[in-house]
Amino acid sequence: MGIVSSICPSAVRVEPLVRRILAANPSPFTHTGTQTYVVGRGEVAVIDPGPDLPDHVATILTATAGERIVAILCTHTHRDHSPASRALKAATGAPIIGCAPLMLDDAGPRADAAFDADYRPDRVLADGETIGGPGWTLEAVATPGHTSNHLCFGLRESGALFTGDHIMGWSTTVVSPPDGDMGDYMRSLDTLLGRSDRIYYPAHGDPVEEPQRFVRAVAAHRRQRERQSLDLLEHGAQPVPDMVAAMYRGLDPRLHGAAGRSVLAHLIDLEARDRVWRDGECWAIAA
């Protein structure tokens, strides 16, 4: 647990260079809400400014009163992450930096996660590019999978990694086609396994204090879901909803649609590897 920042009662200081501010957008898909992070002191960066909620923007401004926001960074452009960037830029003049824009109709069930079509960055960061201020340096880490434009940001001075929705501290990440790609997601997990980050700060859920162990567990869980899919199809062709009912017994019905998107993502990845094939609404083991 962090201590309450002396700067603002709504900002929690989780380590010397990092404060966390929780947006009031809880849901079955966002957990307690989107977590915005303020990095640095005096001249600061704001990571994932969050949804278009005036009270949340006001809280960010109060938390950084007397400081200068020099960069507004977005991990990706779902509507619970990037829309507040525009109001924050209007209030501070800070540039919007980070992921590339992405305009796509999302066929997934998550109304809160539809893409932010109005996102317009002033600068797009490529993998390995950095941005910094007094005493802090943030490095972009390309992690496509949850979305094709997803970035994480590594704080070099402390070994923290801001993981957006690529790794969450309360649930597995939804990978929703057509933009979400399970093959890319698994490769991005390998990217994180090749790093030596000390701690993860996700946009939803608790900090991840044993990153390598956690990522290995996430990868193992995804491989287990893939194996479950193949095992079910060994008994005959099936549509995705039937597979979800068998694979996610006891799951909150409100989450069945999201689970179905991840199952579909696994199947599309398996199809690309010639393991399964599609017959209308049904999927079957490839001959």
C-alpha atoms as a PDB file:
ATOM      1  CA  MET A   1       0.000   0.000   0.000  1.00  0.00           C
ATOM      2  CA  GLY A   2       1.222   3.496  -0.790  1.00  0.00           C
ATOM      3  CA  ILE A   3       0.977   6.467   1.482  1.00  0.00           C
ATOM      4  CA  VAL A   4      -1.345   9.369   0.739  1.00  0.00           C
ATOM      5  CA  SER A   5       0.484  12.099  -1.091  1.00  0.00           C
ATOM      6  CA  SER A   6       0.870  15.397   0.701  1.00  0.00           C
ATOM      7  CA  ILE A   7       0.138  17.067  -2.637  1.00  0.00           C
ATOM      8  CA  CYS A   8      -3.437  15.816  -3.018  1.00  0.00           C
ATOM      9  CA  PRO A   9      -5.639  13.512  -0.885  1.00  0.00           C
ATOM     10  CA  SER A  10      -6.747  11.700  -4.050  1.00  0.00           C
ATOM     11  CA  ALA A  11      -3.203  10.932  -5.202  1.00  0.00           C
ATOM     12  CA  VAL A  12      -1.419   7.965  -3.641  1.00  0.00           C
ATOM     13  CA  ARG A  13       2.371   8.002  -3.749  1.00  0.00           C
ATOM     14  CA  VAL A  14       3.396   4.428  -4.557  1.00  0.00           C
ATOM     15  CA  GLU A  15       7.134   5.165  -4.741  1.00  0.00           C
ATOM     16  CA  PRO A  16       9.233   8.342  -4.666  1.00  0.00           C
ATOM     17  CA  LEU A  17       8.742   9.199  -8.349  1.00  0.00           C
ATOM     18  CA  VAL A  18       5.236   7.776  -8.855  1.00  0.00           C
ATOM     19  CA  ARG A  19       1.738   8.803  -7.780  1.00  0.00           C
ATOM     20  CA  ARG A  20      -1.485   6.979  -8.630  1.00  0.00           C
ATOM     21  CA  ILE A  21      -4.933   8.527  -9.161  1.00  0.00           C
ATOM     22  CA  LEU A  22      -8.016   6.326  -9.541  1.00  0.00           C
ATOM     23  CA  ALA A  23     -10.748   7.349 -11.998  1.00  0.00           C
ATOM     24  CA  ALA A  24     -14.381   6.912 -10.972  1.00  0.00           C
ATOM     25  CA  ASN A  25     -15.223   4.433 -13.725  1.00  0.00           C
ATOM     26  CA  PRO A  26     -15.548   1.056 -11.974  1.00  0.00           C
ATOM     27  CA  SER A  27     -17.169  -1.763 -13.968  1.00  0.00           C
ATOM     28  CA  PRO A  28     -16.929  -5.530 -14.450  1.00  0.00           C
ATOM     29  CA  PHE A  29     -14.256  -4.771 -17.068  1.00  0.00           C
ATOM     30  CA  THR A  30     -12.284  -1.957 -15.394  1.00  0.00           C
ATOM     31  CA  HIS A  31     -12.327  -3.376 -11.820  1.00  0.00           C
ATOM     32  CA  THR A  32     -12.156  -0.392  -9.441  1.00  0.00           C
ATOM     33  CA  GLY A  33     -11.488   1.976 -12.345  1.00  0.00           C
ATOM     34  CA  THR A  34      -8.668   3.229 -14.544  1.00  0.00           C
ATOM     35  CA  GLN A  35      -5.491   4.140 -12.678  1.00  0.00           C
ATOM     36  CA  THR A  36      -3.701   7.250 -13.900  1.00  0.00           C
ATOM     37  CA  TYR A  37      -0.049   7.620 -12.929  1.00  0.00           C
ATOM     38  CA  VAL A  38       1.940  10.826 -12.365  1.00  0.00           C
ATOM     39  CA  VAL A  39       5.691  10.361 -12.810  1.00  0.00           C
ATOM     40  CA  GLY A  40       8.318  12.784 -11.517  1.00  0.00           C
ATOM     41  CA  ARG A  41       8.396  15.902  -9.393  1.00  0.00           C
ATOM     42  CA  GLY A  42       8.176  19.506 -10.511  1.00  0.00           C
ATOM     43  CA  GLU A  43       8.071  18.616 -14.204  1.00  0.00           C
ATOM     44  CA  VAL A  44       5.937  15.505 -14.539  1.00  0.00           C
ATOM     45  CA  ALA A  45       4.424  13.058 -17.008  1.00  0.00           C
ATOM     46  CA  VAL A  46       0.867  11.736 -16.767  1.00  0.00           C
ATOM     47  CA  ILE A  47       0.349   8.149 -17.956  1.00  0.00           C
ATOM     48  CA  ASP A  48      -3.123   6.999 -19.072  1.00  0.00           C
ATOM     49  CA  PRO A  49      -5.118  10.140 -18.226  1.00  0.00           C
ATOM     50  CA  GLY A  50      -8.262   8.005 -18.364  1.00  0.00           C
ATOM     51  CA  PRO A  51     -11.866   8.421 -19.480  1.00  0.00           C
ATOM     52  CA  ASP A  52     -13.515  11.717 -20.348  1.00  0.00           C
ATOM     53  CA  LEU A  53     -14.625  12.535 -16.800  1.00  0.00           C
ATOM     54  CA  PRO A  54     -14.289  16.209 -15.770  1.00  0.00           C
ATOM     55  CA  ASP A  55     -13.900  15.313 -12.089  1.00  0.00           C
ATOM     56  CA  HIS A  56     -10.992  12.991 -12.888  1.00  0.00           C
ATOM     57  CA  VAL A  57      -9.245  15.647 -14.951  1.00  0.00           C
ATOM     58  CA  ALA A  58      -9.788  18.115 -12.092  1.00  0.00           C
ATOM     59  CA  THR A  59      -8.234  15.642  -9.663  1.00  0.00           C
ATOM     60  CA  ILE A  60      -5.157  15.257 -11.883  1.00  0.00           C
ATOM     61  CA  LEU A  61      -4.797  19.036 -12.042  1.00  0.00           C
ATOM     62  CA  THR A  62      -5.182  19.365  -8.276  1.00  0.00           C
ATOM     63  CA  ALA A  63      -2.659  16.582  -7.695  1.00  0.00           C
ATOM     64  CA  THR A  64      -0.101  18.383  -9.872  1.00  0.00           C
ATOM     65  CA  ALA A  65      -0.806  21.934  -8.665  1.00  0.00           C
ATOM     66  CA  GLY A  66       2.430  23.901  -8.548  1.00  0.00           C
ATOM     67  CA  GLU A  67       4.060  21.498 -11.003  1.00  0.00           C
ATOM     68  CA  ARG A  68       4.252  21.462 -14.780  1.00  0.00           C
ATOM     69  CA  ILE A  69       2.857  18.572 -16.799  1.00  0.00           C
ATOM     70  CA  VAL A  70       5.328  18.156 -19.663  1.00  0.00           C
ATOM     71  CA  ALA A  71       3.900  15.030 -21.276  1.00  0.00           C
ATOM     72  CA  ILE A  72       0.584  13.170 -21.427  1.00  0.00           C
ATOM     73  CA  LEU A  73       1.273   9.531 -22.304  1.00  0.00           C
ATOM     74  CA  CYS A  74      -1.261   6.937 -23.433  1.00  0.00           C
ATOM     75  CA  THR A  75      -0.640   3.184 -23.458  1.00  0.00           C
ATOM     76  CA  HIS A  76      -3.458   2.611 -25.956  1.00  0.00           C
ATOM     77  CA  THR A  77      -6.641   4.207 -27.209  1.00  0.00           C
ATOM     78  CA  HIS A  78      -9.513   2.425 -25.514  1.00  0.00           C
ATOM     79  CA  ARG A  79     -12.040   4.891 -24.160  1.00  0.00           C
ATOM     80  CA  ASP A  80     -11.174   4.209 -20.537  1.00  0.00           C
ATOM     81  CA  HIS A  81      -7.544   5.281 -21.141  1.00  0.00           C
ATOM     82  CA  SER A  82      -7.000   8.137 -23.589  1.00  0.00           C
ATOM     83  CA  PRO A  83      -9.987  10.539 -23.921  1.00  0.00           C
ATOM     84  CA  ALA A  84      -9.035  12.697 -20.911  1.00  0.00           C
ATOM     85  CA  SER A  85      -5.785  13.522 -22.721  1.00  0.00           C
ATOM     86  CA  ARG A  86      -7.585  16.231 -24.678  1.00  0.00           C
ATOM     87  CA  ALA A  87      -9.007  18.067 -21.671  1.00  0.00           C
ATOM     88  CA  LEU A  88      -5.682  17.755 -19.874  1.00  0.00           C
ATOM     89  CA  LYS A  89      -3.828  19.160 -22.888  1.00  0.00           C
ATOM     90  CA  ALA A  90      -6.313  22.029 -23.132  1.00  0.00           C
ATOM     91  CA  ALA A  91      -5.759  22.860 -19.465  1.00  0.00           C
ATOM     92  CA  THR A  92      -1.961  22.567 -19.438  1.00  0.00           C
ATOM     93  CA  GLY A  93      -0.647  22.835 -22.987  1.00  0.00           C
ATOM     94  CA  ALA A  94       1.241  19.575 -22.511  1.00  0.00           C
ATOM     95  CA  PRO A  95       1.747  17.434 -25.620  1.00  0.00           C
ATOM     96  CA  ILE A  96      -0.002  14.074 -26.035  1.00  0.00           C
ATOM     97  CA  ILE A  97       2.677  11.430 -26.562  1.00  0.00           C
ATOM     98  CA  GLY A  98       2.772   7.652 -26.785  1.00  0.00           C
ATOM     99  CA  CYS A  99       0.813   5.133 -28.792  1.00  0.00           C
ATOM    100  CA  ALA A 100      -0.226   5.588 -32.393  1.00  0.00           C
ATOM    101  CA  PRO A 101      -3.827   6.539 -33.216  1.00  0.00           C
ATOM    102  CA  LEU A 102      -6.141   3.696 -34.097  1.00  0.00           C
ATOM    103  CA  MET A 103      -9.633   4.100 -35.538  1.00  0.00           C
ATOM    104  CA  LEU A 104     -11.491   0.814 -35.720  1.00  0.00           C
ATOM    105  CA  ASP A 105     -14.959  -0.510 -35.094  1.00  0.00           C
ATOM    106  CA  ASP A 106     -14.580  -2.895 -32.156  1.00  0.00           C
ATOM    107  CA  ALA A 107     -16.819  -5.952 -32.472  1.00  0.00           C
ATOM    108  CA  GLY A 108     -16.209  -6.793 -28.824  1.00  0.00           C
ATOM    109  CA  PRO A 109     -18.720  -6.560 -25.998  1.00  0.00           C
ATOM    110  CA  ARG A 110     -16.902  -3.920 -23.955  1.00  0.00           C
ATOM    111  CA  ALA A 111     -18.696  -0.610 -24.425  1.00  0.00           C
ATOM    112  CA  ASP A 112     -16.181   1.034 -22.091  1.00  0.00           C
ATOM    113  CA  ALA A 113     -13.314  -0.264 -24.211  1.00  0.00           C
ATOM    114  CA  ALA A 114     -14.412   0.983 -27.623  1.00  0.00           C
ATOM    115  CA  PHE A 115     -11.644   2.824 -29.418  1.00  0.00           C
ATOM    116  CA  ASP A 116     -11.149   6.550 -28.943  1.00  0.00           C
ATOM    117  CA  ALA A 117     -11.504   7.780 -32.518  1.00  0.00           C
ATOM    118  CA  ASP A 118     -10.670  11.379 -31.529  1.00  0.00           C
ATOM    119  CA  TYR A 119      -7.216  10.585 -30.137  1.00  0.00           C
ATOM    120  CA  ARG A 120      -4.600  12.733 -31.881  1.00  0.00           C
ATOM    121  CA  PRO A 121      -1.062  12.406 -30.499  1.00  0.00           C
ATOM    122  CA  ASP A 122       1.510  15.149 -30.958  1.00  0.00           C
ATOM    123  CA  ARG A 123       4.238  12.521 -31.000  1.00  0.00           C
ATOM    124  CA  VAL A 124       4.154   8.757 -31.445  1.00  0.00           C
ATOM    125  CA  LEU A 125       6.826   6.777 -29.604  1.00  0.00           C
ATOM    126  CA  ALA A 126       8.445   3.795 -31.288  1.00  0.00           C
ATOM    127  CA  ASP A 127       9.729   0.817 -29.334  1.00  0.00           C
ATOM    128  CA  GLY A 128      12.762   1.876 -27.297  1.00  0.00           C
ATOM    129  CA  GLU A 129      12.229   5.633 -27.657  1.00  0.00           C
ATOM    130  CA  THR A 130      12.375   7.698 -24.484  1.00  0.00           C
ATOM    131  CA  ILE A 131      10.992  10.858 -22.975  1.00  0.00           C
ATOM    132  CA  GLY A 132      12.277  12.402 -19.775  1.00  0.00           C
ATOM    133  CA  GLY A 133      12.300  15.159 -17.221  1.00  0.00           C
ATOM    134  CA  PRO A 134      14.288  16.082 -14.114  1.00  0.00           C
ATOM    135  CA  GLY A 135      15.274  12.787 -12.492  1.00  0.00           C
ATOM    136  CA  TRP A 136      13.064  10.514 -14.622  1.00  0.00           C
ATOM    137  CA  THR A 137      13.210   8.737 -17.967  1.00  0.00           C
ATOM    138  CA  LEU A 138      10.371   6.758 -19.528  1.00  0.00           C
ATOM    139  CA  GLU A 139      11.065   4.217 -22.267  1.00  0.00           C
ATOM    140  CA  ALA A 140       8.378   2.972 -24.661  1.00  0.00           C
ATOM    141  CA  VAL A 141       8.044  -0.808 -24.817  1.00  0.00           C
ATOM    142  CA  ALA A 142       5.941  -2.035 -27.753  1.00  0.00           C
ATOM    143  CA  THR A 143       3.491  -4.671 -26.484  1.00  0.00           C
ATOM    144  CA  PRO A 144       0.865  -5.329 -29.173  1.00  0.00           C
ATOM    145  CA  GLY A 145      -1.813  -7.916 -28.486  1.00  0.00           C
ATOM    146  CA  HIS A 146      -4.536  -6.383 -26.341  1.00  0.00           C
ATOM    147  CA  THR A 147      -4.555  -3.765 -29.083  1.00  0.00           C
ATOM    148  CA  SER A 148      -2.174  -3.395 -32.015  1.00  0.00           C
ATOM    149  CA  ASN A 149      -1.008   0.035 -30.768  1.00  0.00           C
ATOM    150  CA  HIS A 150      -0.380  -0.906 -27.114  1.00  0.00           C
ATOM    151  CA  LEU A 151       2.728   0.431 -25.377  1.00  0.00           C
ATOM    152  CA  CYS A 152       4.098  -0.083 -21.890  1.00  0.00           C
ATOM    153  CA  PHE A 153       6.377   2.522 -20.318  1.00  0.00           C
ATOM    154  CA  GLY A 154       9.462   1.653 -18.298  1.00  0.00           C
ATOM    155  CA  LEU A 155      10.754   4.049 -15.631  1.00  0.00           C
ATOM    156  CA  ARG A 156      14.507   3.544 -15.890  1.00  0.00           C
ATOM    157  CA  GLU A 157      15.360   5.177 -12.570  1.00  0.00           C
ATOM    158  CA  SER A 158      13.290   2.779 -10.453  1.00  0.00           C
ATOM    159  CA  GLY A 159      12.734  -0.335 -12.557  1.00  0.00           C
ATOM    160  CA  ALA A 160       8.951   0.170 -12.655  1.00  0.00           C
ATOM    161  CA  LEU A 161       6.926  -0.711 -15.745  1.00  0.00           C
ATOM    162  CA  PHE A 162       3.531   0.870 -16.437  1.00  0.00           C
ATOM    163  CA  THR A 163       1.708  -1.967 -18.177  1.00  0.00           C
ATOM    164  CA  GLY A 164      -1.619  -0.406 -19.200  1.00  0.00           C
ATOM    165  CA  ASP A 165      -3.914  -3.317 -20.063  1.00  0.00           C
ATOM    166  CA  HIS A 166      -1.176  -5.686 -21.272  1.00  0.00           C
ATOM    167  CA  ILE A 167      -0.755  -7.008 -17.723  1.00  0.00           C
ATOM    168  CA  MET A 168      -3.472  -6.274 -15.171  1.00  0.00           C
ATOM    169  CA  GLY A 169      -3.334  -6.858 -11.447  1.00  0.00           C
ATOM    170  CA  TRP A 170      -6.816  -8.317 -11.039  1.00  0.00           C
ATOM    171  CA  SER A 171      -7.778 -10.281 -14.166  1.00  0.00           C
ATOM    172  CA  THR A 172      -6.484 -11.679 -17.426  1.00  0.00           C
ATOM    173  CA  THR A 173      -6.403  -9.275 -20.346  1.00  0.00           C
ATOM    174  CA  VAL A 174      -9.140  -9.374 -22.979  1.00  0.00           C
ATOM    175  CA  VAL A 175      -7.746  -9.939 -26.474  1.00  0.00           C
ATOM    176  CA  SER A 176     -10.551  -9.004 -28.830  1.00  0.00           C
ATOM    177  CA  PRO A 177     -10.268  -9.488 -32.613  1.00  0.00           C
ATOM    178  CA  PRO A 178     -10.015  -7.999 -35.149  1.00  0.00           C
ATOM    179  CA  ASP A 179      -7.458  -5.635 -33.612  1.00  0.00           C
ATOM    180  CA  GLY A 180      -6.565  -7.795 -30.626  1.00  0.00           C
ATOM    181  CA  ASP A 181      -4.187 -10.562 -31.671  1.00  0.00           C
ATOM    182  CA  MET A 182      -3.354 -13.560 -29.471  1.00  0.00           C
ATOM    183  CA  GLY A 183      -0.143 -14.390 -31.331  1.00  0.00           C
ATOM    184  CA  ASP A 184       1.078 -10.821 -30.828  1.00  0.00           C
ATOM    185  CA  TYR A 185      -0.013 -10.932 -27.200  1.00  0.00           C
ATOM    186  CA  MET A 186       2.033 -14.053 -26.480  1.00  0.00           C
ATOM    187  CA  ARG A 187       5.069 -12.579 -28.221  1.00  0.00           C
ATOM    188  CA  SER A 188       4.671  -9.416 -26.138  1.00  0.00           C
ATOM    189  CA  LEU A 189       4.685 -11.548 -22.979  1.00  0.00           C
ATOM    190  CA  ASP A 190       8.017 -12.930 -24.181  1.00  0.00           C
ATOM    191  CA  THR A 191       9.215  -9.335 -24.571  1.00  0.00           C
ATOM    192  CA  LEU A 192       8.454  -8.681 -20.905  1.00  0.00           C
ATOM    193  CA  LEU A 193      10.161 -11.917 -19.874  1.00  0.00           C
ATOM    194  CA  GLY A 194      13.289 -10.595 -21.558  1.00  0.00           C
ATOM    195  CA  ARG A 195      13.282  -7.513 -19.334  1.00  0.00           C
ATOM    196  CA  SER A 196      14.303  -7.100 -15.687  1.00  0.00           C
ATOM    197  CA  ASP A 197      11.595  -4.775 -14.372  1.00  0.00           C
ATOM    198  CA  ARG A 198      11.245  -4.624 -10.591  1.00  0.00           C
ATOM    199  CA  ILE A 199       7.491  -3.973 -10.369  1.00  0.00           C
ATOM    200  CA  TYR A 200       4.496  -3.487 -12.669  1.00  0.00           C
ATOM    201  CA  TYR A 201       1.912  -0.735 -12.259  1.00  0.00           C
ATOM    202  CA  PRO A 202      -1.145  -1.770 -14.303  1.00  0.00           C
ATOM    203  CA  ALA A 203      -4.006   0.495 -15.307  1.00  0.00           C
ATOM    204  CA  HIS A 204      -6.405  -1.812 -13.436  1.00  0.00           C
ATOM    205  CA  GLY A 205      -5.741  -3.713 -10.240  1.00  0.00           C
ATOM    206  CA  ASP A 206      -2.920  -4.004  -7.730  1.00  0.00           C
ATOM    207  CA  PRO A 207       0.785  -3.584  -8.465  1.00  0.00           C
ATOM    208  CA  VAL A 208       2.549  -6.759  -9.587  1.00  0.00           C
ATOM    209  CA  GLU A 209       5.514  -7.232  -7.261  1.00  0.00           C
ATOM    210  CA  GLU A 210       6.967 -10.415  -8.831  1.00  0.00           C
ATOM    211  CA  PRO A 211       6.778  -9.531 -12.530  1.00  0.00           C
ATOM    212  CA  GLN A 212       8.651 -12.472 -14.047  1.00  0.00           C
ATOM    213  CA  ARG A 213       6.686 -15.036 -12.066  1.00  0.00           C
ATOM    214  CA  PHE A 214       3.423 -13.267 -12.901  1.00  0.00           C
ATOM    215  CA  VAL A 215       4.127 -13.103 -16.647  1.00  0.00           C
ATOM    216  CA  ARG A 216       5.057 -16.784 -16.727  1.00  0.00           C
ATOM    217  CA  ALA A 217       1.747 -17.556 -15.005  1.00  0.00           C
ATOM    218  CA  VAL A 218      -0.182 -15.442 -17.526  1.00  0.00           C
ATOM    219  CA  ALA A 219       1.542 -17.206 -20.435  1.00  0.00           C
ATOM    220  CA  ALA A 220       0.818 -20.620 -18.875  1.00  0.00           C
ATOM    221  CA  HIS A 221      -2.833 -19.664 -18.430  1.00  0.00           C
ATOM    222  CA  ARG A 222      -3.092 -18.673 -22.098  1.00  0.00           C
ATOM    223  CA  ARG A 223      -1.506 -21.957 -23.165  1.00  0.00           C
ATOM    224  CA  GLN A 224      -3.996 -23.783 -20.932  1.00  0.00           C
ATOM    225  CA  ARG A 225      -6.903 -21.993 -22.636  1.00  0.00           C
ATOM    226  CA  GLU A 226      -5.473 -22.940 -26.016  1.00  0.00           C
ATOM    227  CA  ARG A 227      -5.234 -26.587 -24.909  1.00  0.00           C
ATOM    228  CA  GLN A 228      -8.809 -26.469 -23.587  1.00  0.00           C
ATOM    229  CA  SER A 229     -10.014 -25.168 -26.939  1.00  0.00           C
ATOM    230  CA  LEU A 230      -8.307 -27.972 -28.811  1.00  0.00           C
ATOM    231  CA  ASP A 231      -9.566 -30.597 -26.346  1.00  0.00           C
ATOM    232  CA  LEU A 232     -13.157 -29.420 -26.799  1.00  0.00           C
ATOM    233  CA  LEU A 233     -12.885 -29.461 -30.583  1.00  0.00           C
ATOM    234  CA  GLU A 234     -11.560 -33.031 -30.463  1.00  0.00           C
ATOM    235  CA  HIS A 235     -15.178 -33.968 -29.644  1.00  0.00           C
ATOM    236  CA  GLY A 236     -16.544 -32.213 -32.706  1.00  0.00           C
ATOM    237  CA  ALA A 237     -17.046 -28.808 -34.280  1.00  0.00           C
ATOM    238  CA  GLN A 238     -18.451 -26.139 -31.948  1.00  0.00           C
ATOM    239  CA  PRO A 239     -19.406 -22.455 -31.994  1.00  0.00           C
ATOM    240  CA  VAL A 240     -17.615 -20.059 -29.636  1.00  0.00           C
ATOM    241  CA  PRO A 241     -20.559 -19.559 -27.203  1.00  0.00           C
ATOM    242  CA  ASP A 242     -20.703 -23.312 -26.535  1.00  0.00           C
ATOM    243  CA  MET A 243     -16.975 -23.356 -25.932  1.00  0.00           C
ATOM    244  CA  VAL A 244     -17.233 -20.452 -23.487  1.00  0.00           C
ATOM    245  CA  ALA A 245     -19.976 -22.238 -21.537  1.00  0.00           C
ATOM    246  CA  ALA A 246     -17.724 -25.287 -21.170  1.00  0.00           C
ATOM    247  CA  MET A 247     -14.470 -23.440 -20.474  1.00  0.00           C
ATOM    248  CA  TYR A 248     -15.700 -20.721 -18.121  1.00  0.00           C
ATOM    249  CA  ARG A 249     -18.078 -22.469 -15.739  1.00  0.00           C
ATOM    250  CA  GLY A 250     -19.236 -20.124 -12.975  1.00  0.00           C
ATOM    251  CA  LEU A 251     -18.104 -16.976 -14.765  1.00  0.00           C
ATOM    252  CA  ASP A 252     -20.223 -13.856 -14.251  1.00  0.00           C
ATOM    253  CA  PRO A 253     -22.606 -13.912 -17.265  1.00  0.00           C
ATOM    254  CA  ARG A 254     -21.768 -10.261 -17.901  1.00  0.00           C
ATOM    255  CA  LEU A 255     -18.249 -11.403 -18.805  1.00  0.00           C
ATOM    256  CA  HIS A 256     -19.233 -14.170 -21.235  1.00  0.00           C
ATOM    257  CA  GLY A 257     -18.966 -11.859 -24.220  1.00  0.00           C
ATOM    258  CA  ALA A 258     -15.436 -10.798 -23.290  1.00  0.00           C
ATOM    259  CA  ALA A 259     -14.429 -14.416 -22.659  1.00  0.00           C
ATOM    260  CA  GLY A 260     -15.794 -15.285 -26.091  1.00  0.00           C
ATOM    261  CA  ARG A 261     -13.574 -12.660 -27.691  1.00  0.00           C
ATOM    262  CA  SER A 262     -10.482 -14.210 -26.076  1.00  0.00           C
ATOM    263  CA  VAL A 263     -11.558 -17.708 -27.162  1.00  0.00           C
ATOM    264  CA  LEU A 264     -12.025 -16.375 -30.675  1.00  0.00           C
ATOM    265  CA  ALA A 265      -8.563 -14.808 -30.532  1.00  0.00           C
ATOM    266  CA  HIS A 266      -7.083 -18.179 -29.579  1.00  0.00           C
ATOM    267  CA  LEU A 267      -8.937 -19.866 -32.438  1.00  0.00           C
ATOM    268  CA  ILE A 268      -7.782 -17.304 -34.999  1.00  0.00           C
ATOM    269  CA  ASP A 269      -4.208 -17.827 -33.813  1.00  0.00           C
ATOM    270  CA  LEU A 270      -4.627 -21.604 -34.044  1.00  0.00           C
ATOM    271  CA  GLU A 271      -6.116 -21.204 -37.523  1.00  0.00           C
ATOM    272  CA  ALA A 272      -3.053 -19.231 -38.619  1.00  0.00           C
ATOM    273  CA  ARG A 273      -0.940 -22.164 -37.406  1.00  0.00           C
ATOM    274  CA  ASP A 274      -3.128 -24.685 -39.312  1.00  0.00           C
ATOM    275  CA  ARG A 275      -4.381 -26.309 -36.111  1.00  0.00           C
ATOM    276  CA  VAL A 276      -8.094 -25.527 -36.565  1.00  0.00           C
ATOM    277  CA  TRP A 277     -10.428 -24.320 -39.301  1.00  0.00           C
ATOM    278  CA  ARG A 278     -13.679 -22.385 -39.438  1.00  0.00           C
ATOM    279  CA  ASP A 279     -16.949 -23.672 -40.852  1.00  0.00           C
ATOM    280  CA  GLY A 280     -19.460 -20.839 -40.633  1.00  0.00           C
ATOM    281  CA  GLU A 281     -20.061 -20.161 -36.911  1.00  0.00           C
ATOM    282  CA  CYS A 282     -18.346 -23.389 -35.873  1.00  0.00           C
ATOM    283  CA  TRP A 283     -14.708 -24.301 -35.410  1.00  0.00           C
ATOM    284  CA  ALA A 284     -13.131 -27.718 -35.936  1.00  0.00           C
ATOM    285  CA  ILE A 285      -9.790 -29.472 -35.649  1.00  0.00           C
ATOM    286  CA  ALA A 286      -7.825 -29.236 -38.898  1.00  0.00           C
ATOM    287  CA  ALA A 287      -7.350 -32.536 -40.702  1.00  0.00           C
END
